[in-house]
Amino acid sequence: MSEVSHSDTVRQDAYLRVAVDHLPYGIALFGADLRLVVANPTYAQVLALPETLVREGTSLDEILLFVARRGDLGPGTPEILADQRRRLITTQPTTLTQRLSVLGHYIEIHTSQAPGGGLVISLADVTDRAKAETALEQINHTLEQRVDDRTRALTLLNAELEKARAKADAANHEKTRFLAAASHDLLQPLNAARLYTSTLFERTRGTPMADLAASIDASLNAVEDIMSTLLDISRMDSGALKVTRSNFNSLDLLKKVEIEFQPLAEEKNIDLRVVGASFLVRSDRMLLARVIQNLVSNAIKYTKPGGRVLVGCRKRGETVRIDVIDTGIGIDSHQHQLIFTEFSRLEQGARIAQGLGLGLSIVQRILAALDHPLNIESIVGKGSRFSVTVPRIAQSEPVAAVQDNPAARPESRLAGLQVLCVDNERSILDAMSGLLENWGCDVRVATSLKDISQANMLEGWVPDLVLMDYHLEQSSGLDAIEWLKQVAGGQLPAILVTADRTNAVRQLAEARGTAVLNKPVKPAALRALITQVTRRG
C-alpha cells in the first residue's frame, strides 16, 4: 500500500513539475536556508541567468550578486545592492517591484515568504505591457496638451467673440440712438408739410386745386408710412423692442382703433364697425394696439368702396380671439406665408393700393415677441379674417357692449373750441393753427411755457384743449401740461403730439391721463381724437 502511495506521489510531483515548467511566469522556490529548491525554465530565461545559477542548491546571494553586478539592481556597489535586496525580500511578507534590466526588458518581480520558512519568487516579462502603459501615458499627455491648446484657442476665440458682440451691441445702441434722433428730425418737417397740405385741401375743397392738394397729401402719407415702418423694423431688429405686459380691457383697445380709422373708412365709403363684449386680457397694450392697427389698415386698404370691415373679440376658453374681418380681395391659401415677407406684395393687392409690403412683417415680429398666435382664413374675391389670440384674465361675466353705429353719430362740432398749441417748431405751429382755424377753433400758439407767461396768453382766455409737443427746450411736454393744469385751476384736456414713438413716453403719458398722437399727424385722426378728448360732437 505504501509502495502505491509513493508511486502516486512521484507521479503527482512529475505532473506538477511539468505544469510549472510550462507556466508563462518564472517560478523559483528557495528553502529556509535560502538555497534554490526548484525553478522553471522561464525563471532562468526572464532573468537571463546562466545554467550554473539555476541548479538546485544555488544560494539566493549568488543570484542577487550576479544581477547586481550586471546592473539590474541599479547603480552602486554590487555587494551592497545585493545585500539590501536580500534583506528586503526576506524580512517582508510580500514585495512587488518592477525593474528595467540591462537587456532592456521590464521585469515584474513578486516575492512571498513560504509557510515554515523559505521564499517563493515569481516574475514576468512585462515589457509589452510597460510599453503600452508608456504609450497610453504619452497619448494622455498628448490629449491633455491638445485639450489645453484647444481650451486656450477657445478662450481666445470667446474673447474675440465677446469683443465682437460688445462692438455689435455698441453699434446697435448707436444705431438706435441715431434712429431715435432721425425719426424726430425727419418726422418734424413731414408733420408740418402734412398739416399744410391738409389745410390747403380743406380751403380749396371743390376746386381743381383741391385735387392737387390731395395728391400731395397722399404722397406725404406714403412717405410717412414707409419711414415709420422702416424705423419700427430697425428698432425691432436692433433689440429695442421691449415687451411690457399688463391687464386691460380688449374692447377699449378696439374702440380706440375704431376712432383712429373711422375717418379713413368713411373716405373710402367702407363700413367699419367694432363689436363684441368686454374682456380683461393680458398683453403689451401698445404693441397689441399696433398689431390691430396694421391689420385694420390693411383691411381698409384692400377692401373696395362699399365694403365692410368688422373688428371684434370673443372668448375662447382661457383666451380671447380678436378678429379683423373684411370683404376685400382675399388671399390664396398658398400665399399666406408670402404676405409676411418684407417688401413682398401680391400682384392683385399692388394694383389696388400703394405700399412696400412691410405692415404684416411688423405684425409677425410683434406677435412673435408677444407669443400670440395668428390665424388667417381667406377666400379669394370674398374677404379675409385675421385672428389674434391673447390670454384672458378670469373675471365676472362680461357685459355686452353697446353697439355704436359710427355712421349715425353727428359730425364733430369743433367751432369755438379754444385750443392752445405748444411746439418748439414754428413751422408746425403755423401749420397746426391753420388747420384748426379752418375747423373753426380759436387757436393760440407758443414755443415754450416762457412764451405763454411773457405774452400773458392765459389772462382772460382758458383753453378747452392743449396740443403739446413732448420735446420742449426747457421742459418735457408732460411737465408743461401739469403746469398748465395748475394755472387753469382744474381739469384740462390735453393731447401729447410727438415724434417720439418709444413705449416709455407713451406709458408715462397714459400714467398721467394724457392721450398721445404721433407725428406726422393725420388730420382725420387728430379731429377724431380731439372729439373724443373734449367730448364734443
Protein backbone atom coordinates (compact mmCIF):
# COMPACT_ATOMS: atom_id res chain seq x y z
CA MET A 1 0.00 0.00 0.00
CA SER A 2 2.88 2.32 0.85
CA GLU A 3 4.51 1.49 -2.48
CA VAL A 4 1.35 2.56 -4.30
CA SER A 5 1.20 5.80 -2.35
CA HIS A 6 4.83 6.55 -3.07
CA SER A 7 4.25 5.88 -6.74
CA ASP A 8 1.26 8.24 -6.82
CA THR A 9 3.29 10.89 -5.09
CA VAL A 10 6.10 10.61 -7.61
CA ARG A 11 3.63 10.77 -10.46
CA GLN A 12 1.94 13.90 -8.98
CA ASP A 13 5.31 15.56 -8.48
CA ALA A 14 6.14 14.87 -12.10
CA TYR A 15 2.82 16.35 -13.25
CA LEU A 16 3.38 19.39 -11.04
CA ARG A 17 6.88 19.87 -12.41
CA VAL A 18 5.60 19.70 -16.00
CA ALA A 19 2.89 22.22 -15.17
CA VAL A 20 5.34 24.62 -13.52
CA ASP A 21 7.78 24.32 -16.40
CA HIS A 22 5.08 25.38 -18.87
CA LEU A 23 3.84 28.39 -16.93
CA PRO A 24 4.31 31.77 -18.73
CA TYR A 25 5.72 33.13 -15.47
CA GLY A 26 9.08 32.48 -13.87
CA ILE A 27 8.77 30.49 -10.61
CA ALA A 28 11.54 29.73 -8.08
CA LEU A 29 11.34 28.16 -4.62
CA PHE A 30 14.08 28.72 -2.06
CA GLY A 31 14.31 26.72 1.12
CA ALA A 32 14.68 28.03 4.64
CA ASP A 33 18.44 28.22 4.07
CA LEU A 34 17.71 30.46 1.04
CA ARG A 35 19.06 27.91 -1.39
CA LEU A 36 17.26 27.09 -4.63
CA VAL A 37 14.99 24.08 -4.41
CA VAL A 38 13.40 24.30 -7.80
CA ALA A 39 13.00 26.82 -10.67
CA ASN A 40 11.28 26.56 -14.03
CA PRO A 41 12.96 27.46 -17.35
CA THR A 42 11.00 30.72 -17.63
CA TYR A 43 12.65 31.93 -14.41
CA ALA A 44 16.09 31.49 -15.88
CA GLN A 45 15.00 32.92 -19.22
CA VAL A 46 13.44 36.11 -17.83
CA LEU A 47 16.41 36.83 -15.53
CA ALA A 48 18.84 35.73 -18.25
CA LEU A 49 20.70 33.55 -15.69
CA PRO A 50 23.42 31.12 -16.66
CA GLU A 51 22.70 27.43 -16.19
CA THR A 52 25.03 27.26 -13.15
CA LEU A 53 22.79 29.67 -11.22
CA VAL A 54 19.57 27.71 -11.70
CA ARG A 55 20.79 24.46 -10.34
CA GLU A 56 19.34 23.04 -7.18
CA GLY A 57 21.26 24.26 -4.12
CA THR A 58 22.32 27.60 -5.60
CA SER A 59 22.18 30.28 -2.92
CA LEU A 60 19.99 33.37 -3.27
CA ASP A 61 23.01 35.57 -2.52
CA GLU A 62 24.84 34.26 -5.59
CA ILE A 63 21.91 35.06 -7.84
CA LEU A 64 21.44 38.54 -6.35
CA LEU A 65 25.14 39.33 -6.65
CA PHE A 66 25.11 38.25 -10.29
CA VAL A 67 22.20 40.51 -11.30
CA ALA A 68 23.61 43.36 -9.17
CA ARG A 69 26.96 43.17 -10.95
CA ARG A 70 25.10 43.15 -14.25
CA GLY A 71 23.38 46.41 -13.24
CA ASP A 72 19.84 45.13 -12.87
CA LEU A 73 19.59 46.47 -9.31
CA GLY A 74 20.65 49.99 -10.29
CA PRO A 75 23.81 52.00 -9.77
CA GLY A 76 26.04 51.36 -6.74
CA THR A 77 28.28 48.73 -5.19
CA PRO A 78 27.01 45.26 -6.28
CA GLU A 79 27.64 43.64 -2.89
CA ILE A 80 25.73 46.37 -1.05
CA LEU A 81 22.87 46.33 -3.56
CA ALA A 82 22.59 42.54 -3.36
CA ASP A 83 22.58 42.60 0.45
CA GLN A 84 19.91 45.31 0.56
CA ARG A 85 17.70 43.37 -1.81
CA ARG A 86 18.12 40.12 0.16
CA ARG A 87 17.24 41.77 3.47
CA LEU A 88 14.16 43.39 1.91
CA ILE A 89 12.64 40.27 0.44
CA THR A 90 13.44 38.11 3.48
CA THR A 91 12.02 40.49 6.07
CA GLN A 92 8.80 41.50 4.23
CA PRO A 93 5.94 39.01 3.89
CA THR A 94 5.49 40.07 0.25
CA THR A 95 7.13 42.51 -2.15
CA LEU A 96 6.29 43.70 -5.64
CA THR A 97 8.78 45.57 -7.78
CA GLN A 98 9.24 46.41 -11.44
CA ARG A 99 12.69 46.92 -12.90
CA LEU A 100 14.24 47.60 -16.28
CA SER A 101 17.02 45.11 -16.88
CA VAL A 102 20.21 45.96 -18.69
CA LEU A 103 18.87 43.86 -21.54
CA GLY A 104 16.06 46.36 -21.98
CA HIS A 105 13.26 44.25 -20.51
CA TYR A 106 10.75 45.35 -17.92
CA ILE A 107 10.51 42.66 -15.26
CA GLU A 108 7.84 42.48 -12.57
CA ILE A 109 9.07 40.58 -9.52
CA HIS A 110 6.82 39.28 -6.73
CA THR A 111 8.28 37.66 -3.57
CA SER A 112 6.42 35.88 -0.79
CA GLN A 113 7.67 34.11 2.31
CA ALA A 114 6.63 30.45 2.30
CA PRO A 115 4.98 28.79 5.34
CA GLY A 116 7.61 27.15 7.57
CA GLY A 117 10.39 29.25 6.06
CA GLY A 118 11.66 29.65 2.62
CA LEU A 119 10.87 32.04 -0.18
CA VAL A 120 8.78 31.92 -3.36
CA ILE A 121 9.77 34.25 -6.20
CA SER A 122 7.61 34.75 -9.28
CA LEU A 123 8.46 37.07 -12.10
CA ALA A 124 7.19 38.03 -15.53
CA ASP A 125 8.45 39.93 -18.53
CA VAL A 126 6.01 42.84 -18.76
CA THR A 127 7.87 44.75 -21.43
CA ASP A 128 4.88 44.84 -23.79
CA ARG A 129 2.55 45.97 -21.03
CA ALA A 130 5.00 48.61 -19.82
CA LYS A 131 5.41 49.94 -23.35
CA ALA A 132 1.64 50.03 -23.77
CA GLU A 133 1.28 51.91 -20.48
CA THR A 134 4.02 54.32 -21.52
CA ALA A 135 2.36 54.83 -24.90
CA LEU A 136 -1.01 55.35 -23.21
CA GLU A 137 0.54 57.83 -20.80
CA GLN A 138 2.08 59.65 -23.73
CA ILE A 139 -1.27 59.65 -25.53
CA ASN A 140 -2.98 61.00 -22.42
CA HIS A 141 -0.32 63.64 -22.10
CA THR A 142 -0.74 64.50 -25.77
CA LEU A 143 -4.52 64.64 -25.36
CA GLU A 144 -4.20 66.83 -22.30
CA GLN A 145 -1.85 69.07 -24.24
CA ARG A 146 -4.29 69.19 -27.12
CA VAL A 147 -7.15 69.92 -24.74
CA ASP A 148 -5.10 72.68 -23.14
CA ASP A 149 -4.24 74.08 -26.58
CA ARG A 150 -7.87 73.84 -27.65
CA THR A 151 -9.04 75.44 -24.42
CA ARG A 152 -6.62 78.32 -24.92
CA ALA A 153 -7.79 78.67 -28.52
CA LEU A 154 -11.45 78.65 -27.45
CA THR A 155 -10.69 81.15 -24.70
CA LEU A 156 -9.07 83.45 -27.24
CA LEU A 157 -11.95 82.88 -29.65
CA ASN A 158 -14.52 83.59 -26.94
CA ALA A 159 -12.64 86.75 -26.04
CA GLU A 160 -12.70 87.81 -29.68
CA LEU A 161 -16.39 86.93 -29.94
CA GLU A 162 -17.10 88.91 -26.77
CA LYS A 163 -15.27 91.88 -28.25
CA ALA A 164 -17.23 91.48 -31.49
CA ARG A 165 -20.51 91.17 -29.55
CA ALA A 166 -19.70 94.24 -27.49
CA LYS A 167 -18.84 96.09 -30.67
CA ALA A 168 -22.09 94.95 -32.31
CA ASP A 169 -24.08 95.93 -29.20
CA ALA A 170 -22.43 99.34 -29.25
CA ALA A 171 -23.20 99.68 -32.95
CA ASN A 172 -26.83 98.68 -32.32
CA HIS A 173 -27.02 101.14 -29.46
CA GLU A 174 -25.62 103.90 -31.62
CA LYS A 175 -27.98 102.91 -34.43
CA THR A 176 -30.92 103.03 -32.04
CA ARG A 177 -29.85 106.49 -30.85
CA PHE A 178 -29.44 107.61 -34.44
CA LEU A 179 -32.86 106.24 -35.39
CA ALA A 180 -34.47 107.99 -32.42
CA ALA A 181 -32.89 111.27 -33.48
CA ALA A 182 -33.60 110.64 -37.15
CA SER A 183 -37.24 109.76 -36.52
CA HIS A 184 -37.72 113.01 -34.63
CA ASP A 185 -35.76 115.22 -37.04
CA LEU A 186 -37.24 113.67 -40.18
CA LEU A 187 -40.81 113.41 -38.98
CA GLN A 188 -40.97 117.01 -37.73
CA PRO A 189 -40.84 118.70 -41.17
CA LEU A 190 -43.02 115.94 -42.61
CA ASN A 191 -45.57 116.68 -39.92
CA ALA A 192 -45.64 120.36 -40.84
CA ALA A 193 -45.95 119.52 -44.54
CA ARG A 194 -48.94 117.24 -43.96
CA LEU A 195 -50.69 119.84 -41.82
CA TYR A 196 -50.15 122.48 -44.51
CA THR A 197 -51.48 120.23 -47.29
CA SER A 198 -54.50 119.26 -45.19
CA THR A 199 -55.30 122.93 -44.62
CA LEU A 200 -54.82 123.64 -48.31
CA PHE A 201 -57.11 120.77 -49.24
CA GLU A 202 -59.90 121.88 -46.93
CA ARG A 203 -59.68 125.51 -48.03
CA THR A 204 -59.74 124.59 -51.71
CA ARG A 205 -62.37 121.85 -51.43
CA GLY A 206 -64.46 121.69 -54.59
CA THR A 207 -61.81 123.34 -56.77
CA PRO A 208 -59.13 121.87 -59.08
CA MET A 209 -56.54 122.94 -56.51
CA ALA A 210 -58.08 120.50 -54.03
CA ASP A 211 -57.14 117.54 -56.22
CA LEU A 212 -53.54 118.76 -56.31
CA ALA A 213 -53.52 119.15 -52.52
CA ALA A 214 -55.00 115.67 -52.10
CA SER A 215 -52.28 114.20 -54.36
CA ILE A 216 -49.54 115.92 -52.35
CA ASP A 217 -51.12 114.70 -49.11
CA ALA A 218 -51.31 111.13 -50.44
CA SER A 219 -47.63 111.25 -51.41
CA LEU A 220 -46.64 112.59 -48.00
CA ASN A 221 -48.77 109.90 -46.37
CA ALA A 222 -46.90 107.23 -48.35
CA VAL A 223 -43.55 108.71 -47.29
CA GLU A 224 -44.69 108.76 -43.67
CA ASP A 225 -45.84 105.14 -43.76
CA ILE A 226 -42.56 103.99 -45.32
CA MET A 227 -40.40 105.95 -42.86
CA SER A 228 -42.37 104.89 -39.81
CA THR A 229 -42.40 101.25 -40.83
CA LEU A 230 -38.67 101.12 -41.62
CA LEU A 231 -37.85 102.81 -38.33
CA ASP A 232 -40.04 100.34 -36.46
CA ILE A 233 -38.42 97.33 -38.15
CA SER A 234 -34.97 98.70 -37.42
CA ARG A 235 -35.85 99.20 -33.76
CA MET A 236 -37.17 95.65 -33.53
CA ASP A 237 -34.14 94.11 -35.23
CA SER A 238 -31.75 96.09 -33.02
CA GLY A 239 -33.39 94.70 -29.87
CA ALA A 240 -35.01 97.98 -28.88
CA LEU A 241 -38.43 96.32 -28.78
CA LYS A 242 -39.34 95.82 -25.13
CA VAL A 243 -42.45 93.93 -24.04
CA THR A 244 -44.31 95.32 -21.03
CA ARG A 245 -47.33 93.20 -20.16
CA SER A 246 -50.36 94.49 -18.26
CA ASN A 247 -54.06 93.70 -17.84
CA PHE A 248 -56.53 95.83 -19.84
CA ASN A 249 -59.95 95.76 -21.48
CA SER A 250 -59.81 94.36 -25.00
CA LEU A 251 -62.88 96.25 -26.22
CA ASP A 252 -61.49 99.59 -25.04
CA LEU A 253 -58.44 99.00 -27.22
CA LEU A 254 -60.59 98.14 -30.23
CA LYS A 255 -62.77 101.22 -29.75
CA LYS A 256 -59.69 103.45 -29.87
CA VAL A 257 -58.64 101.76 -33.11
CA GLU A 258 -62.13 102.43 -34.47
CA ILE A 259 -61.87 106.12 -33.61
CA GLU A 260 -58.49 106.34 -35.35
CA PHE A 261 -59.56 104.63 -38.58
CA GLN A 262 -63.18 105.74 -38.86
CA PRO A 263 -62.31 108.86 -40.92
CA LEU A 264 -60.21 106.78 -43.34
CA ALA A 265 -63.01 104.24 -43.70
CA GLU A 266 -65.57 106.98 -44.38
CA GLU A 267 -63.31 108.46 -47.05
CA LYS A 268 -63.36 105.10 -48.87
CA ASN A 269 -67.08 104.54 -48.20
CA ILE A 270 -66.31 101.46 -46.11
CA ASP A 271 -68.45 100.42 -43.16
CA LEU A 272 -66.06 100.00 -40.20
CA ARG A 273 -67.62 98.52 -37.05
CA VAL A 274 -66.38 97.21 -33.71
CA VAL A 275 -68.47 94.55 -31.95
CA GLY A 276 -68.07 92.15 -29.05
CA ALA A 277 -68.02 92.09 -25.26
CA SER A 278 -65.54 93.46 -22.76
CA PHE A 279 -62.83 91.03 -21.68
CA LEU A 280 -59.85 91.53 -19.42
CA VAL A 281 -56.76 90.37 -21.31
CA ARG A 282 -53.02 90.33 -20.62
CA SER A 283 -50.56 91.61 -23.19
CA ASP A 284 -48.49 94.65 -24.09
CA ARG A 285 -51.18 97.21 -24.73
CA MET A 286 -49.10 99.40 -27.08
CA LEU A 287 -47.72 96.53 -29.15
CA LEU A 288 -51.05 94.74 -29.43
CA ALA A 289 -52.68 98.02 -30.49
CA ARG A 290 -50.02 98.35 -33.20
CA VAL A 291 -50.86 94.87 -34.48
CA ILE A 292 -54.61 95.60 -34.64
CA GLN A 293 -53.92 98.98 -36.26
CA ASN A 294 -51.86 97.35 -39.01
CA LEU A 295 -54.48 94.66 -39.59
CA VAL A 296 -57.33 97.20 -39.75
CA SER A 297 -55.28 99.47 -42.01
CA ASN A 298 -54.68 96.56 -44.40
CA ALA A 299 -58.33 95.56 -44.28
CA ILE A 300 -59.46 99.06 -45.27
CA LYS A 301 -56.69 99.38 -47.86
CA TYR A 302 -57.63 96.18 -49.71
CA THR A 303 -61.42 96.47 -49.42
CA LYS A 304 -63.24 98.16 -52.27
CA PRO A 305 -65.64 101.09 -51.67
CA GLY A 306 -68.97 99.89 -50.36
CA GLY A 307 -67.35 97.00 -48.49
CA ARG A 308 -67.26 96.25 -44.78
CA VAL A 309 -64.58 95.81 -42.11
CA LEU A 310 -65.60 94.20 -38.83
CA VAL A 311 -63.38 94.20 -35.72
CA GLY A 312 -64.49 92.07 -32.79
CA CYS A 313 -63.43 89.95 -29.85
CA ARG A 314 -64.88 86.75 -28.41
CA LYS A 315 -63.99 84.34 -25.62
CA ARG A 316 -62.32 81.05 -26.49
CA GLY A 317 -61.73 79.08 -23.27
CA GLU A 318 -58.88 80.73 -21.37
CA THR A 319 -58.15 83.10 -24.25
CA VAL A 320 -59.76 85.91 -26.21
CA ARG A 321 -59.71 85.89 -30.00
CA ILE A 322 -59.54 89.29 -31.68
CA ASP A 323 -60.81 89.19 -35.27
CA VAL A 324 -60.33 91.65 -38.10
CA ILE A 325 -62.71 90.63 -40.89
CA ASP A 326 -63.07 92.31 -44.26
CA THR A 327 -64.92 91.83 -47.56
CA GLY A 328 -61.77 92.59 -49.53
CA ILE A 329 -59.89 90.86 -52.31
CA GLY A 330 -58.91 87.78 -50.27
CA ILE A 331 -55.66 85.82 -50.30
CA ASP A 332 -54.95 82.44 -51.87
CA SER A 333 -54.03 79.83 -49.23
CA HIS A 334 -50.71 79.13 -50.97
CA GLN A 335 -49.70 82.77 -50.50
CA HIS A 336 -50.43 83.13 -46.77
CA GLN A 337 -46.75 82.92 -45.78
CA LEU A 338 -45.65 85.19 -48.61
CA ILE A 339 -47.60 88.18 -47.30
CA PHE A 340 -45.40 88.28 -44.16
CA THR A 341 -42.20 88.61 -46.18
CA GLU A 342 -40.62 92.07 -46.22
CA PHE A 343 -41.10 94.02 -49.45
CA SER A 344 -43.34 91.25 -50.81
CA ARG A 345 -46.74 92.19 -52.23
CA LEU A 346 -49.30 90.15 -54.10
CA GLU A 347 -49.99 91.29 -57.64
CA GLN A 348 -53.69 91.96 -57.14
CA GLY A 349 -53.05 93.91 -53.92
CA ALA A 350 -50.34 96.01 -55.59
CA ARG A 351 -52.86 97.10 -58.22
CA ILE A 352 -55.34 98.26 -55.57
CA ALA A 353 -53.12 100.12 -53.06
CA GLN A 354 -49.63 101.51 -52.77
CA GLY A 355 -47.07 100.33 -50.22
CA LEU A 356 -43.88 98.38 -49.63
CA GLY A 357 -45.40 95.28 -48.08
CA LEU A 358 -43.97 95.89 -44.59
CA GLY A 359 -47.10 96.12 -42.41
CA LEU A 360 -47.62 92.38 -41.94
CA SER A 361 -43.88 91.88 -41.45
CA ILE A 362 -44.13 94.14 -38.41
CA VAL A 363 -47.24 92.26 -37.25
CA GLN A 364 -45.34 88.97 -37.38
CA ARG A 365 -42.36 90.38 -35.46
CA ILE A 366 -44.53 91.88 -32.71
CA LEU A 367 -46.68 88.75 -32.30
CA ALA A 368 -43.53 86.63 -32.07
CA ALA A 369 -42.28 88.87 -29.24
CA LEU A 370 -45.69 88.71 -27.52
CA ASP A 371 -46.08 84.95 -28.14
CA HIS A 372 -49.60 85.48 -29.50
CA PRO A 373 -50.76 83.07 -32.26
CA LEU A 374 -52.07 84.50 -35.54
CA ASN A 375 -54.56 82.64 -37.73
CA ILE A 376 -55.64 83.51 -41.28
CA GLU A 377 -58.77 82.43 -43.11
CA SER A 378 -59.36 83.86 -46.55
CA ILE A 379 -61.34 83.26 -49.73
CA VAL A 380 -60.18 84.94 -52.91
CA GLY A 381 -62.73 87.53 -54.03
CA LYS A 382 -64.77 87.34 -50.81
CA GLY A 383 -62.52 88.56 -47.99
CA SER A 384 -60.23 87.61 -45.13
CA ARG A 385 -60.22 87.10 -41.39
CA PHE A 386 -57.05 87.70 -39.34
CA SER A 387 -57.36 86.37 -35.78
CA VAL A 388 -55.02 87.11 -32.88
CA THR A 389 -55.33 85.00 -29.71
CA VAL A 390 -54.38 86.62 -26.38
CA PRO A 391 -54.51 85.30 -22.78
CA ARG A 392 -57.70 86.10 -20.87
CA ILE A 393 -57.78 87.13 -17.21
CA ALA A 394 -60.62 85.43 -15.30
CA GLN A 395 -63.36 87.82 -14.14
CA SER A 396 -67.13 88.01 -13.82
CA GLU A 397 -69.18 87.55 -16.98
CA PRO A 398 -68.54 90.37 -19.44
CA VAL A 399 -71.24 92.92 -20.13
CA ALA A 400 -72.29 93.10 -23.74
CA ALA A 401 -71.01 96.23 -25.39
CA VAL A 402 -73.46 98.84 -26.59
CA GLN A 403 -73.47 98.78 -30.36
CA ASP A 404 -72.38 102.08 -31.74
CA ASN A 405 -73.10 102.97 -35.33
CA PRO A 406 -70.40 105.44 -36.34
CA ALA A 407 -72.33 106.48 -39.39
CA ALA A 408 -75.19 107.62 -37.18
CA ARG A 409 -73.03 109.83 -34.95
CA PRO A 410 -73.31 113.57 -35.54
CA GLU A 411 -70.26 115.24 -37.08
CA SER A 412 -67.84 116.66 -34.55
CA ARG A 413 -68.50 120.30 -33.84
CA LEU A 414 -65.19 121.97 -33.11
CA ALA A 415 -66.28 125.51 -33.86
CA GLY A 416 -65.38 127.82 -30.99
CA LEU A 417 -63.13 125.28 -29.30
CA GLN A 418 -60.25 127.15 -27.62
CA VAL A 419 -57.02 125.30 -28.36
CA LEU A 420 -53.53 126.05 -27.10
CA CYS A 421 -50.74 124.60 -29.29
CA VAL A 422 -47.21 124.34 -27.90
CA ASP A 423 -44.33 123.16 -30.12
CA ASN A 424 -40.71 124.23 -30.45
CA GLU A 425 -41.01 124.24 -34.26
CA ARG A 426 -42.58 127.44 -35.56
CA SER A 427 -43.48 125.85 -38.91
CA ILE A 428 -45.50 123.13 -37.15
CA LEU A 429 -47.35 125.77 -35.10
CA ASP A 430 -48.23 127.72 -38.24
CA ALA A 431 -49.48 124.61 -40.00
CA MET A 432 -51.41 123.35 -36.97
CA SER A 433 -53.08 126.69 -36.30
CA GLY A 434 -54.10 126.96 -39.96
CA LEU A 435 -55.73 123.53 -39.85
CA LEU A 436 -57.52 124.12 -36.53
CA GLU A 437 -58.72 127.57 -37.50
CA ASN A 438 -60.16 126.07 -40.66
CA TRP A 439 -62.19 123.79 -38.37
CA GLY A 440 -63.48 126.86 -36.54
CA CYS A 441 -61.24 126.64 -33.48
CA ASP A 442 -59.90 129.61 -31.54
CA VAL A 443 -56.17 128.87 -31.58
CA ARG A 444 -53.22 130.33 -29.70
CA VAL A 445 -49.67 129.08 -30.17
CA ALA A 446 -46.41 129.16 -28.22
CA THR A 447 -42.97 127.59 -28.49
CA SER A 448 -42.50 127.24 -24.70
CA LEU A 449 -44.02 127.93 -21.30
CA LYS A 450 -41.88 131.05 -21.19
CA ASP A 451 -43.69 132.40 -24.27
CA ILE A 452 -47.06 131.71 -22.64
CA SER A 453 -46.06 133.52 -19.47
CA GLN A 454 -44.45 136.53 -21.17
CA ALA A 455 -47.39 137.03 -23.54
CA ASN A 456 -49.92 136.70 -20.70
CA MET A 457 -51.65 134.28 -23.05
CA LEU A 458 -53.91 132.78 -20.37
CA GLU A 459 -55.29 136.05 -18.98
CA GLY A 460 -58.99 136.10 -19.73
CA TRP A 461 -58.63 133.07 -22.01
CA VAL A 462 -58.76 129.49 -20.75
CA PRO A 463 -58.08 126.73 -23.30
CA ASP A 464 -60.54 123.87 -23.77
CA LEU A 465 -57.70 121.71 -25.08
CA VAL A 466 -53.89 121.68 -25.14
CA LEU A 467 -51.92 120.17 -28.02
CA MET A 468 -48.42 119.74 -26.57
CA ASP A 469 -45.13 118.65 -28.10
CA TYR A 470 -43.05 116.33 -25.89
CA HIS A 471 -39.52 117.59 -26.54
CA LEU A 472 -39.53 121.24 -25.46
CA GLU A 473 -36.40 123.27 -24.88
CA GLN A 474 -36.82 123.85 -21.15
CA SER A 475 -39.08 121.03 -20.02
CA SER A 476 -40.90 117.94 -21.17
CA GLY A 477 -44.35 118.33 -22.66
CA LEU A 478 -45.92 116.24 -19.88
CA ASP A 479 -44.47 118.51 -17.20
CA ALA A 480 -45.69 121.52 -19.16
CA ILE A 481 -49.21 120.03 -19.24
CA GLU A 482 -49.16 119.60 -15.45
CA TRP A 483 -48.13 123.25 -15.04
CA LEU A 484 -50.94 124.41 -17.33
CA LYS A 485 -53.47 122.35 -15.37
CA GLN A 486 -52.43 124.11 -12.18
CA VAL A 487 -52.70 127.51 -13.88
CA ALA A 488 -56.11 126.64 -15.35
CA GLY A 489 -57.25 125.55 -11.90
CA GLY A 490 -58.96 122.34 -12.90
CA GLN A 491 -59.22 119.59 -15.44
CA LEU A 492 -57.60 120.45 -18.75
CA PRO A 493 -57.93 118.00 -21.66
CA ALA A 494 -54.58 117.51 -23.38
CA ILE A 495 -53.06 115.57 -26.24
CA LEU A 496 -49.33 114.88 -26.42
CA VAL A 497 -48.34 115.34 -30.07
CA THR A 498 -44.86 113.88 -30.53
CA ALA A 499 -42.50 112.22 -32.98
CA ASP A 500 -41.12 110.14 -30.09
CA ARG A 501 -42.63 106.69 -30.60
CA THR A 502 -40.99 104.91 -27.68
CA ASN A 503 -43.09 102.90 -25.24
CA ALA A 504 -41.59 104.79 -22.32
CA VAL A 505 -43.11 108.10 -23.44
CA ARG A 506 -46.49 106.54 -24.21
CA GLN A 507 -46.63 104.73 -20.87
CA LEU A 508 -45.68 107.90 -18.98
CA ALA A 509 -48.38 109.83 -20.81
CA GLU A 510 -51.01 107.20 -20.05
CA ALA A 511 -50.00 107.18 -16.39
CA ARG A 512 -50.80 110.92 -16.34
CA GLY A 513 -54.05 110.51 -18.22
CA THR A 514 -52.82 112.22 -21.38
CA ALA A 515 -53.70 110.96 -24.86
CA VAL A 516 -50.85 110.51 -27.36
CA LEU A 517 -50.85 111.28 -31.08
CA ASN A 518 -47.71 110.51 -33.07
CA LYS A 519 -46.25 112.78 -35.68
CA PRO A 520 -46.72 113.13 -38.59
CA VAL A 521 -50.29 113.92 -37.60
CA LYS A 522 -53.13 112.56 -39.70
CA PRO A 523 -55.75 115.35 -39.70
CA ALA A 524 -58.63 112.87 -39.60
CA ALA A 525 -57.10 111.08 -36.62
CA LEU A 526 -56.43 114.43 -34.92
CA ARG A 527 -60.02 115.53 -35.40
CA ALA A 528 -61.36 112.20 -34.08
CA LEU A 529 -59.09 112.32 -31.02
CA ILE A 530 -59.99 115.95 -30.27
CA THR A 531 -63.66 114.99 -30.46
CA GLN A 532 -63.08 112.12 -28.06
CA VAL A 533 -60.93 114.03 -25.57
CA THR A 534 -63.15 117.13 -25.42
CA ARG A 535 -66.39 115.13 -25.73
CA ARG A 536 -67.68 117.46 -28.42
CA GLY A 537 -69.81 116.08 -31.21
